[in-house]
Protein backbone atom coordinates (compact mmCIF):
# COMPACT_ATOMS: atom_id res chain seq x y z
CA MET A 1 13.52 6.41 15.58
CA ILE A 2 12.50 8.78 13.53
CA PRO A 3 13.64 12.55 12.58
CA LEU A 4 12.29 15.63 13.05
CA ASP A 5 11.97 17.83 10.13
CA PRO A 6 15.31 20.32 11.03
CA ASP A 7 12.85 23.75 9.32
CA PHE A 8 10.09 22.63 12.07
CA VAL A 9 12.92 22.13 15.22
CA ALA A 10 14.19 25.52 14.29
CA HIS A 11 11.03 27.68 13.84
CA ALA A 12 8.08 25.97 15.41
CA PRO A 13 6.35 28.02 17.82
CA LEU A 14 5.46 26.23 21.34
CA THR A 15 1.59 25.42 20.08
CA ALA A 16 3.19 23.59 17.10
CA ILE A 17 5.17 21.14 19.05
CA ARG A 18 2.65 20.58 21.69
CA THR A 19 0.01 19.66 19.26
CA GLN A 20 2.73 17.21 17.33
CA TYR A 21 4.14 15.66 20.60
CA ALA A 22 0.05 14.89 21.76
CA HIS A 23 -0.71 13.63 17.97
CA ALA A 24 2.76 11.45 18.69
CA GLN A 25 1.45 10.02 22.12
CA ARG A 26 -2.02 9.04 20.98
CA MET A 27 -0.61 6.97 17.91
CA ALA A 28 2.16 5.64 19.75
CA ASP A 29 -1.26 4.62 22.44
CA LEU A 30 -2.97 2.80 19.60
CA TRP A 31 0.30 0.91 18.56
CA ASP A 32 0.53 -0.43 21.63
CA ASP A 33 -3.05 -1.37 22.04
CA LYS A 34 -2.56 -2.65 18.73
CA ALA A 35 0.18 -4.74 19.60
CA ARG A 36 -0.88 -6.01 22.70
CA ALA A 37 -4.00 -7.48 20.63
CA LEU A 38 -1.46 -9.08 18.47
CA PHE A 39 0.24 -10.63 21.07
CA LEU A 40 -2.67 -11.64 22.88
CA LEU A 41 -4.05 -13.68 19.59
CA LEU A 42 -0.84 -14.75 18.77
CA THR A 43 -0.61 -16.47 22.32
CA GLU A 44 -4.21 -17.77 22.19
CA ARG A 45 -3.27 -19.59 18.59
CA GLU A 46 -0.26 -21.06 19.64
CA GLU A 47 -1.73 -22.31 22.70
CA ARG A 48 -4.63 -24.38 20.54
CA THR A 49 -1.71 -25.50 18.35
CA ASN A 50 0.08 -26.79 21.00
CA ARG A 51 -3.18 -28.79 22.26
């Protein structure tokens, strides 16, 4: 887990926290999609190799 900046934690307004959360969630969703696509590609290639 990546630690949060202590200065941000101590002083960030609610809108900044919400904005950072929304950005982090979008990035997590993108990485989840990429991981899924890579898993499907890996599975496809392994099946081809094992034939």
